[in-house]
Structures are given as C-alpha cells and as structure tokens.
C-alpha cells in the first residue's frame, strides 16, 4: 500500500539538476572534486590549518571546502588543490561512446 502523503520521486542522479541549478554538470563535477579533497584531508588526519598551509589557502576557505561550499572555486583551481595534495590528475579524451554522440564527463576517484 502506498502512502498518499509520499510525494517523493526518483532523482536524475544529479541533485544540482534536480534542484534547477544553472550548469548542474559543472556543479556536480566540482562537488566530486571537493569530496575527494575533503577525503584526503580526513584520511591524513590534517587539521584545517595544516591543510590550509599545504593548499596555499587560508583556514576559513579550507573550512568552507570541507563543508561542501565551493563557490568561488573554479574547476581548474580545485584540480590544482588535488595536485598540492599529491594527487596526479589525468584527463583522458575519447570520442563519444554513444551513436548519438552524447558525451560525458567522468570523475574517477581513488579506490
């Protein structure tokens, strides 16, 4: 039996698209990079001050990042932060895999 008050619906897989953000793919990509950065900071047990020194940021910016706030950070800047954390960033290019030529951007994180 379904609940008549249940007004949920399946998401698209991109919460930014579901919420009507402009450029939702870019927002999702940045969120994935921030997730990786936050994970590395936590995995290494770095304080925000230590992470800030390593990343060349001030502590409030690190605090914002680890809370998922990436406004003001370009994709390129987030990639440079991953480099500063000792991560290689590789961007492979390939022809579209679908017959319709629909392209995709995949962020492959650490296992």
PDB file of N, CA and C in Angstrom:
ATOM      1  N   UNK A   1       0.851  -1.173   0.000  1.00  0.00           N
ATOM      2  CA  UNK A   1       0.000   0.000   0.000  1.00  0.00           C
ATOM      3  C   UNK A   1       0.899   1.239   0.000  1.00  0.00           C
ATOM      4  N   UNK A   2       0.579   2.200  -0.842  1.00  0.00           N
ATOM      5  CA  UNK A   2       1.378   3.416  -0.910  1.00  0.00           C
ATOM      6  C   UNK A   2       0.771   4.488  -0.029  1.00  0.00           C
ATOM      7  N   UNK A   3       1.637   5.309   0.483  1.00  0.00           N
ATOM      8  CA  UNK A   3       1.226   6.405   1.347  1.00  0.00           C
ATOM      9  C   UNK A   3       0.828   7.588   0.469  1.00  0.00           C
ATOM     10  N   UNK A   4      -0.414   8.086   0.565  1.00  0.00           N
ATOM     11  CA  UNK A   4      -0.842   9.209  -0.276  1.00  0.00           C
ATOM     12  C   UNK A   4      -0.070  10.496   0.010  1.00  0.00           C
ATOM     13  N   UNK A   5       0.564  10.573   1.188  1.00  0.00           N
ATOM     14  CA  UNK A   5       1.355  11.763   1.517  1.00  0.00           C
ATOM     15  C   UNK A   5       2.792  11.658   1.026  1.00  0.00           C
ATOM     16  N   UNK A   6       3.154  10.514   0.460  1.00  0.00           N
ATOM     17  CA  UNK A   6       4.514  10.318  -0.042  1.00  0.00           C
ATOM     18  C   UNK A   6       4.612  10.978  -1.415  1.00  0.00           C
ATOM     19  N   UNK A   7       5.294  12.093  -1.463  1.00  0.00           N
ATOM     20  CA  UNK A   7       5.416  12.838  -2.716  1.00  0.00           C
ATOM     21  C   UNK A   7       6.837  12.793  -3.242  1.00  0.00           C
ATOM     22  N   UNK A   8       7.517  11.723  -2.965  1.00  0.00           N
ATOM     23  CA  UNK A   8       8.890  11.612  -3.426  1.00  0.00           C
ATOM     24  C   UNK A   8       8.914  11.112  -4.858  1.00  0.00           C
ATOM     25  N   UNK A   9       9.985  11.416  -5.522  1.00  0.00           N
ATOM     26  CA  UNK A   9      10.184  10.937  -6.880  1.00  0.00           C
ATOM     27  C   UNK A   9      11.655  10.620  -7.064  1.00  0.00           C
ATOM     28  N   UNK A  10      11.928   9.769  -8.005  1.00  0.00           N
ATOM     29  CA  UNK A  10      13.315   9.377  -8.267  1.00  0.00           C
ATOM     30  C   UNK A  10      14.085  10.567  -8.812  1.00  0.00           C
ATOM     31  N   UNK A  11      15.320  10.692  -8.351  1.00  0.00           N
ATOM     32  CA  UNK A  11      16.174  11.762  -8.825  1.00  0.00           C
ATOM     33  C   UNK A  11      16.863  11.387 -10.122  1.00  0.00           C
ATOM     34  N   UNK A  12      17.475  12.370 -10.729  1.00  0.00           N
ATOM     35  CA  UNK A  12      18.161  12.172 -12.010  1.00  0.00           C
ATOM     36  C   UNK A  12      19.574  11.620 -11.834  1.00  0.00           C
ATOM     37  N   UNK A  13      20.067  11.629 -10.597  1.00  0.00           N
ATOM     38  CA  UNK A  13      21.458  11.264 -10.358  1.00  0.00           C
ATOM     39  C   UNK A  13      22.326  12.505 -10.199  1.00  0.00           C
ATOM     40  N   UNK A  14      21.770  13.659 -10.471  1.00  0.00           N
ATOM     41  CA  UNK A  14      22.480  14.928 -10.272  1.00  0.00           C
ATOM     42  C   UNK A  14      21.556  15.835  -9.477  1.00  0.00           C
ATOM     43  N   UNK A  15      21.840  15.966  -8.198  1.00  0.00           N
ATOM     44  CA  UNK A  15      20.986  16.760  -7.312  1.00  0.00           C
ATOM     45  C   UNK A  15      20.927  18.210  -7.774  1.00  0.00           C
ATOM     46  N   UNK A  16      22.005  18.718  -8.389  1.00  0.00           N
ATOM     47  CA  UNK A  16      22.016  20.099  -8.847  1.00  0.00           C
ATOM     48  C   UNK A  16      21.037  20.305 -10.004  1.00  0.00           C
ATOM     49  N   UNK A  17      20.913  19.306 -10.871  1.00  0.00           N
ATOM     50  CA  UNK A  17      19.921  19.361 -11.955  1.00  0.00           C
ATOM     51  C   UNK A  17      18.517  19.270 -11.369  1.00  0.00           C
ATOM     52  N   UNK A  18      18.339  18.380 -10.398  1.00  0.00           N
ATOM     53  CA  UNK A  18      17.029  18.198  -9.777  1.00  0.00           C
ATOM     54  C   UNK A  18      16.556  19.479  -9.080  1.00  0.00           C
ATOM     55  N   UNK A  19      17.508  20.248  -8.558  1.00  0.00           N
ATOM     56  CA  UNK A  19      17.159  21.487  -7.855  1.00  0.00           C
ATOM     57  C   UNK A  19      17.100  22.691  -8.789  1.00  0.00           C
ATOM     58  N   UNK A  20      17.385  22.475 -10.075  1.00  0.00           N
ATOM     59  CA  UNK A  20      17.266  23.555 -11.052  1.00  0.00           C
ATOM     60  C   UNK A  20      18.447  24.505 -11.121  1.00  0.00           C
ATOM     61  N   UNK A  21      19.616  24.062 -10.650  1.00  0.00           N
ATOM     62  CA  UNK A  21      20.800  24.910 -10.721  1.00  0.00           C
ATOM     63  C   UNK A  21      21.197  25.140 -12.179  1.00  0.00           C
ATOM     64  N   UNK A  22      21.716  26.323 -12.485  1.00  0.00           N
ATOM     65  CA  UNK A  22      22.296  26.500 -13.817  1.00  0.00           C
ATOM     66  C   UNK A  22      23.602  25.704 -13.868  1.00  0.00           C
ATOM     67  N   UNK A  23      23.963  25.191 -14.987  1.00  0.00           N
ATOM     68  CA  UNK A  23      25.171  24.369 -15.195  1.00  0.00           C
ATOM     69  C   UNK A  23      25.304  23.259 -14.145  1.00  0.00           C
ATOM     70  N   UNK A  24      24.307  22.399 -14.040  1.00  0.00           N
ATOM     71  CA  UNK A  24      24.346  21.368 -12.996  1.00  0.00           C
ATOM     72  C   UNK A  24      25.510  20.391 -13.146  1.00  0.00           C
ATOM     73  N   UNK A  25      25.952  20.121 -14.371  1.00  0.00           N
ATOM     74  CA  UNK A  25      27.067  19.197 -14.565  1.00  0.00           C
ATOM     75  C   UNK A  25      28.340  19.766 -13.952  1.00  0.00           C
ATOM     76  N   UNK A  26      28.553  21.075 -14.129  1.00  0.00           N
ATOM     77  CA  UNK A  26      29.729  21.722 -13.547  1.00  0.00           C
ATOM     78  C   UNK A  26      29.665  21.686 -12.019  1.00  0.00           C
ATOM     79  N   UNK A  27      28.497  21.943 -11.467  1.00  0.00           N
ATOM     80  CA  UNK A  27      28.340  21.890 -10.008  1.00  0.00           C
ATOM     81  C   UNK A  27      28.634  20.483  -9.483  1.00  0.00           C
ATOM     82  N   UNK A  28      28.123  19.476 -10.166  1.00  0.00           N
ATOM     83  CA  UNK A  28      28.360  18.101  -9.729  1.00  0.00           C
ATOM     84  C   UNK A  28      29.840  17.752  -9.805  1.00  0.00           C
ATOM     85  N   UNK A  29      30.488  18.140 -10.885  1.00  0.00           N
ATOM     86  CA  UNK A  29      31.919  17.869 -11.043  1.00  0.00           C
ATOM     87  C   UNK A  29      32.717  18.523  -9.912  1.00  0.00           C
ATOM     88  N   UNK A  30      32.418  19.789  -9.616  1.00  0.00           N
ATOM     89  CA  UNK A  30      33.113  20.479  -8.526  1.00  0.00           C
ATOM     90  C   UNK A  30      32.843  19.791  -7.190  1.00  0.00           C
ATOM     91  N   UNK A  31      31.612  19.375  -6.968  1.00  0.00           N
ATOM     92  CA  UNK A  31      31.271  18.679  -5.720  1.00  0.00           C
ATOM     93  C   UNK A  31      32.081  17.395  -5.588  1.00  0.00           C
ATOM     94  N   UNK A  32      32.270  16.684  -6.690  1.00  0.00           N
ATOM     95  CA  UNK A  32      33.065  15.453  -6.658  1.00  0.00           C
ATOM     96  C   UNK A  32      34.526  15.754  -6.321  1.00  0.00           C
ATOM     97  N   UNK A  33      35.070  16.828  -6.881  1.00  0.00           N
ATOM     98  CA  UNK A  33      36.453  17.204  -6.565  1.00  0.00           C
ATOM     99  C   UNK A  33      36.581  17.599  -5.097  1.00  0.00           C
ATOM    100  N   UNK A  34      35.625  18.365  -4.599  1.00  0.00           N
ATOM    101  CA  UNK A  34      35.650  18.785  -3.186  1.00  0.00           C
ATOM    102  C   UNK A  34      35.539  17.569  -2.275  1.00  0.00           C
ATOM    103  N   UNK A  35      34.714  16.603  -2.660  1.00  0.00           N
ATOM    104  CA  UNK A  35      34.586  15.365  -1.889  1.00  0.00           C
ATOM    105  C   UNK A  35      35.934  14.648  -1.813  1.00  0.00           C
ATOM    106  N   UNK A  36      36.645  14.591  -2.934  1.00  0.00           N
ATOM    107  CA  UNK A  36      37.963  13.949  -2.942  1.00  0.00           C
ATOM    108  C   UNK A  36      38.949  14.711  -2.058  1.00  0.00           C
ATOM    109  N   UNK A  37      38.958  16.037  -2.175  1.00  0.00           N
ATOM    110  CA  UNK A  37      39.865  16.870  -1.366  1.00  0.00           C
ATOM    111  C   UNK A  37      39.574  16.666   0.120  1.00  0.00           C
ATOM    112  N   UNK A  38      38.315  16.725   0.500  1.00  0.00           N
ATOM    113  CA  UNK A  38      37.931  16.542   1.907  1.00  0.00           C
ATOM    114  C   UNK A  38      38.322  15.166   2.410  1.00  0.00           C
ATOM    115  N   UNK A  39      38.143  14.159   1.569  1.00  0.00           N
ATOM    116  CA  UNK A  39      38.508  12.797   1.947  1.00  0.00           C
ATOM    117  C   UNK A  39      39.995  12.639   2.199  1.00  0.00           C
ATOM    118  N   UNK A  40      40.808  13.273   1.368  1.00  0.00           N
ATOM    119  CA  UNK A  40      42.265  13.191   1.545  1.00  0.00           C
ATOM    120  C   UNK A  40      42.674  13.887   2.834  1.00  0.00           C
ATOM    121  N   UNK A  41      42.096  15.054   3.094  1.00  0.00           N
ATOM    122  CA  UNK A  41      42.398  15.793   4.327  1.00  0.00           C
ATOM    123  C   UNK A  41      42.046  14.942   5.540  1.00  0.00           C
ATOM    124  N   UNK A  42      40.865  14.335   5.518  1.00  0.00           N
ATOM    125  CA  UNK A  42      40.433  13.498   6.647  1.00  0.00           C
ATOM    126  C   UNK A  42      41.297  12.247   6.765  1.00  0.00           C
ATOM    127  N   UNK A  43      41.582  11.610   5.654  1.00  0.00           N
ATOM    128  CA  UNK A  43      42.385  10.378   5.656  1.00  0.00           C
ATOM    129  C   UNK A  43      43.769  10.613   6.259  1.00  0.00           C
ATOM    130  N   UNK A  44      44.327  11.776   5.982  1.00  0.00           N
ATOM    131  CA  UNK A  44      45.662  12.106   6.502  1.00  0.00           C
ATOM    132  C   UNK A  44      45.615  12.673   7.914  1.00  0.00           C
ATOM    133  N   UNK A  45      44.428  12.912   8.425  1.00  0.00           N
ATOM    134  CA  UNK A  45      44.284  13.456   9.775  1.00  0.00           C
ATOM    135  C   UNK A  45      44.814  14.871   9.892  1.00  0.00           C
ATOM    136  N   UNK A  46      44.728  15.639   8.801  1.00  0.00           N
ATOM    137  CA  UNK A  46      45.235  17.008   8.817  1.00  0.00           C
ATOM    138  C   UNK A  46      44.252  17.933   9.528  1.00  0.00           C
ATOM    139  N   UNK A  47      44.783  18.863  10.273  1.00  0.00           N
ATOM    140  CA  UNK A  47      43.932  19.927  10.796  1.00  0.00           C
ATOM    141  C   UNK A  47      43.633  20.873   9.636  1.00  0.00           C
ATOM    142  N   UNK A  48      42.645  21.718   9.811  1.00  0.00           N
ATOM    143  CA  UNK A  48      42.351  22.689   8.757  1.00  0.00           C
ATOM    144  C   UNK A  48      43.515  23.645   8.551  1.00  0.00           C
ATOM    145  N   UNK A  49      44.223  23.981   9.620  1.00  0.00           N
ATOM    146  CA  UNK A  49      45.390  24.863   9.497  1.00  0.00           C
ATOM    147  C   UNK A  49      46.498  24.173   8.701  1.00  0.00           C
ATOM    148  N   UNK A  50      46.731  22.890   8.974  1.00  0.00           N
ATOM    149  CA  UNK A  50      47.743  22.144   8.219  1.00  0.00           C
ATOM    150  C   UNK A  50      47.353  22.029   6.747  1.00  0.00           C
ATOM    151  N   UNK A  51      46.084  21.730   6.500  1.00  0.00           N
ATOM    152  CA  UNK A  51      45.599  21.623   5.122  1.00  0.00           C
ATOM    153  C   UNK A  51      45.713  22.966   4.413  1.00  0.00           C
ATOM    154  N   UNK A  52      45.398  24.037   5.120  1.00  0.00           N
ATOM    155  CA  UNK A  52      45.483  25.374   4.528  1.00  0.00           C
ATOM    156  C   UNK A  52      46.912  25.679   4.092  1.00  0.00           C
ATOM    157  N   UNK A  53      47.891  25.355   4.937  1.00  0.00           N
ATOM    158  CA  UNK A  53      49.295  25.598   4.594  1.00  0.00           C
ATOM    159  C   UNK A  53      49.695  24.776   3.373  1.00  0.00           C
ATOM    160  N   UNK A  54      49.243  23.560   3.326  1.00  0.00           N
ATOM    161  CA  UNK A  54      49.570  22.668   2.215  1.00  0.00           C
ATOM    162  C   UNK A  54      48.930  23.137   0.905  1.00  0.00           C
ATOM    163  N   UNK A  55      47.711  23.646   1.006  1.00  0.00           N
ATOM    164  CA  UNK A  55      46.943  24.032  -0.173  1.00  0.00           C
ATOM    165  C   UNK A  55      47.180  25.471  -0.617  1.00  0.00           C
ATOM    166  N   UNK A  56      47.834  26.257   0.241  1.00  0.00           N
ATOM    167  CA  UNK A  56      48.034  27.658  -0.093  1.00  0.00           C
ATOM    168  C   UNK A  56      46.756  28.481   0.047  1.00  0.00           C
ATOM    169  N   UNK A  57      45.910  28.066   0.978  1.00  0.00           N
ATOM    170  CA  UNK A  57      44.650  28.752   1.258  1.00  0.00           C
ATOM    171  C   UNK A  57      44.665  29.235   2.694  1.00  0.00           C
ATOM    172  N   UNK A  58      43.694  30.075   3.039  1.00  0.00           N
ATOM    173  CA  UNK A  58      43.547  30.389   4.454  1.00  0.00           C
ATOM    174  C   UNK A  58      42.587  29.370   5.070  1.00  0.00           C
ATOM    175  N   UNK A  59      42.634  29.257   6.388  1.00  0.00           N
ATOM    176  CA  UNK A  59      41.850  28.236   7.090  1.00  0.00           C
ATOM    177  C   UNK A  59      40.357  28.369   6.852  1.00  0.00           C
ATOM    178  N   UNK A  60      39.781  29.586   6.805  1.00  0.00           N
ATOM    179  CA  UNK A  60      38.343  29.668   6.540  1.00  0.00           C
ATOM    180  C   UNK A  60      37.946  29.084   5.174  1.00  0.00           C
ATOM    181  N   UNK A  61      38.807  29.209   4.186  1.00  0.00           N
ATOM    182  CA  UNK A  61      38.495  28.622   2.872  1.00  0.00           C
ATOM    183  C   UNK A  61      38.526  27.091   2.941  1.00  0.00           C
ATOM    184  N   UNK A  62      39.469  26.549   3.693  1.00  0.00           N
ATOM    185  CA  UNK A  62      39.507  25.095   3.882  1.00  0.00           C
ATOM    186  C   UNK A  62      38.251  24.648   4.618  1.00  0.00           C
ATOM    187  N   UNK A  63      37.864  25.395   5.630  1.00  0.00           N
ATOM    188  CA  UNK A  63      36.652  25.074   6.383  1.00  0.00           C
ATOM    189  C   UNK A  63      35.440  25.052   5.452  1.00  0.00           C
ATOM    190  N   UNK A  64      35.341  26.041   4.586  1.00  0.00           N
ATOM    191  CA  UNK A  64      34.226  26.088   3.634  1.00  0.00           C
ATOM    192  C   UNK A  64      34.258  24.870   2.712  1.00  0.00           C
ATOM    193  N   UNK A  65      35.440  24.527   2.201  1.00  0.00           N
ATOM    194  CA  UNK A  65      35.559  23.385   1.298  1.00  0.00           C
ATOM    195  C   UNK A  65      35.115  22.090   1.957  1.00  0.00           C
ATOM    196  N   UNK A  66      35.602  21.823   3.160  1.00  0.00           N
ATOM    197  CA  UNK A  66      35.265  20.550   3.798  1.00  0.00           C
ATOM    198  C   UNK A  66      33.790  20.489   4.196  1.00  0.00           C
ATOM    199  N   UNK A  67      33.127  21.653   4.201  1.00  0.00           N
ATOM    200  CA  UNK A  67      31.681  21.683   4.434  1.00  0.00           C
ATOM    201  C   UNK A  67      30.909  21.663   3.114  1.00  0.00           C
ATOM    202  N   UNK A  68      31.639  21.476   1.999  1.00  0.00           N
ATOM    203  CA  UNK A  68      30.973  21.351   0.701  1.00  0.00           C
ATOM    204  C   UNK A  68      30.638  22.664   0.029  1.00  0.00           C
ATOM    205  N   UNK A  69      31.212  23.743   0.507  1.00  0.00           N
ATOM    206  CA  UNK A  69      30.946  25.052  -0.092  1.00  0.00           C
ATOM    207  C   UNK A  69      32.083  25.384  -1.048  1.00  0.00           C
ATOM    208  N   UNK A  70      31.788  25.350  -2.336  1.00  0.00           N
ATOM    209  CA  UNK A  70      32.849  25.556  -3.322  1.00  0.00           C
ATOM    210  C   UNK A  70      32.615  26.772  -4.204  1.00  0.00           C
ATOM    211  N   UNK A  71      31.734  27.649  -3.790  1.00  0.00           N
ATOM    212  CA  UNK A  71      31.523  28.892  -4.531  1.00  0.00           C
ATOM    213  C   UNK A  71      32.845  29.667  -4.562  1.00  0.00           C
ATOM    214  N   UNK A  72      33.195  30.167  -5.720  1.00  0.00           N
ATOM    215  CA  UNK A  72      34.441  30.921  -5.854  1.00  0.00           C
ATOM    216  C   UNK A  72      35.631  30.058  -6.232  1.00  0.00           C
ATOM    217  N   UNK A  73      35.433  28.746  -6.315  1.00  0.00           N
ATOM    218  CA  UNK A  73      36.497  27.838  -6.726  1.00  0.00           C
ATOM    219  C   UNK A  73      36.196  27.342  -8.137  1.00  0.00           C
ATOM    220  N   UNK A  74      37.094  27.623  -9.068  1.00  0.00           N
ATOM    221  CA  UNK A  74      36.925  27.105 -10.421  1.00  0.00           C
ATOM    222  C   UNK A  74      37.324  25.634 -10.452  1.00  0.00           C
ATOM    223  N   UNK A  75      36.935  24.969 -11.508  1.00  0.00           N
ATOM    224  CA  UNK A  75      37.339  23.571 -11.681  1.00  0.00           C
ATOM    225  C   UNK A  75      38.853  23.474 -11.711  1.00  0.00           C
ATOM    226  N   UNK A  76      39.499  24.381 -12.435  1.00  0.00           N
ATOM    227  CA  UNK A  76      40.962  24.368 -12.510  1.00  0.00           C
ATOM    228  C   UNK A  76      41.619  24.544 -11.153  1.00  0.00           C
ATOM    229  N   UNK A  77      41.071  25.423 -10.349  1.00  0.00           N
ATOM    230  CA  UNK A  77      41.638  25.647  -9.008  1.00  0.00           C
ATOM    231  C   UNK A  77      41.491  24.395  -8.143  1.00  0.00           C
ATOM    232  N   UNK A  78      40.350  23.742  -8.226  1.00  0.00           N
ATOM    233  CA  UNK A  78      40.153  22.509  -7.451  1.00  0.00           C
ATOM    234  C   UNK A  78      41.122  21.426  -7.910  1.00  0.00           C
ATOM    235  N   UNK A  79      41.390  21.351  -9.203  1.00  0.00           N
ATOM    236  CA  UNK A  79      42.360  20.369  -9.712  1.00  0.00           C
ATOM    237  C   UNK A  79      43.765  20.688  -9.186  1.00  0.00           C
ATOM    238  N   UNK A  80      44.106  21.973  -9.128  1.00  0.00           N
ATOM    239  CA  UNK A  80      45.422  22.348  -8.566  1.00  0.00           C
ATOM    240  C   UNK A  80      45.516  21.988  -7.083  1.00  0.00           C
ATOM    241  N   UNK A  81      44.405  22.098  -6.354  1.00  0.00           N
ATOM    242  CA  UNK A  81      44.410  21.704  -4.941  1.00  0.00           C
ATOM    243  C   UNK A  81      44.655  20.205  -4.809  1.00  0.00           C
ATOM    244  N   UNK A  82      44.064  19.423  -5.701  1.00  0.00           N
ATOM    245  CA  UNK A  82      44.332  17.980  -5.690  1.00  0.00           C
ATOM    246  C   UNK A  82      45.805  17.709  -5.959  1.00  0.00           C
ATOM    247  N   UNK A  83      46.405  18.456  -6.884  1.00  0.00           N
ATOM    248  CA  UNK A  83      47.843  18.311  -7.132  1.00  0.00           C
ATOM    249  C   UNK A  83      48.648  18.629  -5.881  1.00  0.00           C
ATOM    250  N   UNK A  84      48.272  19.690  -5.185  1.00  0.00           N
ATOM    251  CA  UNK A  84      49.005  20.083  -3.967  1.00  0.00           C
ATOM    252  C   UNK A  84      48.881  19.037  -2.866  1.00  0.00           C
ATOM    253  N   UNK A  85      47.852  18.221  -2.960  1.00  0.00           N
ATOM    254  CA  UNK A  85      47.687  17.121  -2.009  1.00  0.00           C
ATOM    255  C   UNK A  85      48.373  15.849  -2.507  1.00  0.00           C
ATOM    256  N   UNK A  86      49.187  15.992  -3.556  1.00  0.00           N
ATOM    257  CA  UNK A  86      49.969  14.865  -4.046  1.00  0.00           C
ATOM    258  C   UNK A  86      49.222  13.949  -4.989  1.00  0.00           C
ATOM    259  N   UNK A  87      48.137  14.440  -5.577  1.00  0.00           N
ATOM    260  CA  UNK A  87      47.351  13.611  -6.490  1.00  0.00           C
ATOM    261  C   UNK A  87      47.673  13.979  -7.934  1.00  0.00           C
ATOM    262  N   UNK A  88      47.924  12.976  -8.752  1.00  0.00           N
ATOM    263  CA  UNK A  88      48.034  13.197 -10.181  1.00  0.00           C
ATOM    264  C   UNK A  88      46.625  13.367 -10.727  1.00  0.00           C
ATOM    265  N   UNK A  89      46.469  14.277 -11.654  1.00  0.00           N
ATOM    266  CA  UNK A  89      45.183  14.493 -12.303  1.00  0.00           C
ATOM    267  C   UNK A  89      45.376  14.198 -13.785  1.00  0.00           C
ATOM    268  N   UNK A  90      44.633  13.234 -14.295  1.00  0.00           N
ATOM    269  CA  UNK A  90      44.709  12.871 -15.705  1.00  0.00           C
ATOM    270  C   UNK A  90      43.338  13.090 -16.332  1.00  0.00           C
ATOM    271  N   UNK A  91      43.331  13.706 -17.485  1.00  0.00           N
ATOM    272  CA  UNK A  91      42.073  13.969 -18.172  1.00  0.00           C
ATOM    273  C   UNK A  91      42.142  13.286 -19.538  1.00  0.00           C
ATOM    274  N   UNK A  92      41.671  12.039 -19.605  1.00  0.00           N
ATOM    275  CA  UNK A  92      41.697  11.337 -20.886  1.00  0.00           C
ATOM    276  C   UNK A  92      40.567  11.831 -21.794  1.00  0.00           C
ATOM    277  N   UNK A  93      40.864  11.934 -23.061  1.00  0.00           N
ATOM    278  CA  UNK A  93      39.863  12.338 -24.037  1.00  0.00           C
ATOM    279  C   UNK A  93      39.615  11.182 -24.987  1.00  0.00           C
ATOM    280  N   UNK A  94      38.346  10.991 -25.343  1.00  0.00           N
ATOM    281  CA  UNK A  94      37.974   9.912 -26.256  1.00  0.00           C
ATOM    282  C   UNK A  94      36.734  10.334 -27.020  1.00  0.00           C
ATOM    283  N   UNK A  95      36.542   9.772 -28.206  1.00  0.00           N
ATOM    284  CA  UNK A  95      35.307  10.079 -28.931  1.00  0.00           C
ATOM    285  C   UNK A  95      34.088   9.630 -28.117  1.00  0.00           C
ATOM    286  N   UNK A  96      32.963  10.291 -28.348  1.00  0.00           N
ATOM    287  CA  UNK A  96      31.723   9.934 -27.649  1.00  0.00           C
ATOM    288  C   UNK A  96      31.419   8.462 -27.868  1.00  0.00           C
ATOM    289  N   UNK A  97      31.008   7.798 -26.796  1.00  0.00           N
ATOM    290  CA  UNK A  97      30.777   6.357 -26.835  1.00  0.00           C
ATOM    291  C   UNK A  97      29.409   5.974 -27.385  1.00  0.00           C
ATOM    292  N   UNK A  98      28.493   6.927 -27.473  1.00  0.00           N
ATOM    293  CA  UNK A  98      27.154   6.587 -27.934  1.00  0.00           C
ATOM    294  C   UNK A  98      26.985   6.944 -29.409  1.00  0.00           C
ATOM    295  N   UNK A  99      26.139   6.225 -30.103  1.00  0.00           N
ATOM    296  CA  UNK A  99      25.915   6.518 -31.518  1.00  0.00           C
ATOM    297  C   UNK A  99      25.366   7.930 -31.750  1.00  0.00           C
ATOM    298  N   UNK A 100      24.637   8.450 -30.763  1.00  0.00           N
ATOM    299  CA  UNK A 100      24.062   9.789 -30.895  1.00  0.00           C
ATOM    300  C   UNK A 100      25.095  10.876 -30.647  1.00  0.00           C
ATOM    301  N   UNK A 101      26.301  10.481 -30.234  1.00  0.00           N
ATOM    302  CA  UNK A 101      27.347  11.450 -29.953  1.00  0.00           C
ATOM    303  C   UNK A 101      27.182  12.152 -28.621  1.00  0.00           C
ATOM    304  N   UNK A 102      26.386  11.548 -27.732  1.00  0.00           N
ATOM    305  CA  UNK A 102      26.185  12.135 -26.414  1.00  0.00           C
ATOM    306  C   UNK A 102      27.461  11.964 -25.605  1.00  0.00           C
ATOM    307  N   UNK A 103      28.005  13.046 -25.115  1.00  0.00           N
ATOM    308  CA  UNK A 103      29.270  12.997 -24.393  1.00  0.00           C
ATOM    309  C   UNK A 103      29.039  12.911 -22.897  1.00  0.00           C
ATOM    310  N   UNK A 104      30.105  12.598 -22.171  1.00  0.00           N
ATOM    311  CA  UNK A 104      30.015  12.506 -20.731  1.00  0.00           C
ATOM    312  C   UNK A 104      31.333  12.927 -20.111  1.00  0.00           C
ATOM    313  N   UNK A 105      31.282  13.323 -18.865  1.00  0.00           N
ATOM    314  CA  UNK A 105      32.472  13.642 -18.090  1.00  0.00           C
ATOM    315  C   UNK A 105      32.438  12.741 -16.867  1.00  0.00           C
ATOM    316  N   UNK A 106      33.493  11.964 -16.672  1.00  0.00           N
ATOM    317  CA  UNK A 106      33.543  11.012 -15.572  1.00  0.00           C
ATOM    318  C   UNK A 106      34.685  11.403 -14.648  1.00  0.00           C
ATOM    319  N   UNK A 107      34.404  11.516 -13.369  1.00  0.00           N
ATOM    320  CA  UNK A 107      35.429  11.760 -12.371  1.00  0.00           C
ATOM    321  C   UNK A 107      35.717  10.437 -11.690  1.00  0.00           C
ATOM    322  N   UNK A 108      36.938   9.974 -11.851  1.00  0.00           N
ATOM    323  CA  UNK A 108      37.330   8.702 -11.245  1.00  0.00           C
ATOM    324  C   UNK A 108      38.174   9.016 -10.008  1.00  0.00           C
ATOM    325  N   UNK A 109      37.623   8.717  -8.862  1.00  0.00           N
ATOM    326  CA  UNK A 109      38.327   8.972  -7.613  1.00  0.00           C
ATOM    327  C   UNK A 109      39.209   7.815  -7.214  1.00  0.00           C
ATOM    328  N   UNK A 110      39.791   7.980  -6.075  1.00  0.00           N
ATOM    329  CA  UNK A 110      40.663   6.945  -5.546  1.00  0.00           C
ATOM    330  C   UNK A 110      39.820   5.790  -5.044  1.00  0.00           C
ATOM    331  N   UNK A 111      40.353   4.548  -5.175  1.00  0.00           N
ATOM    332  CA  UNK A 111      39.584   3.384  -4.711  1.00  0.00           C
ATOM    333  C   UNK A 111      39.386   3.379  -3.213  1.00  0.00           C
TER     334      UNK A 111
END
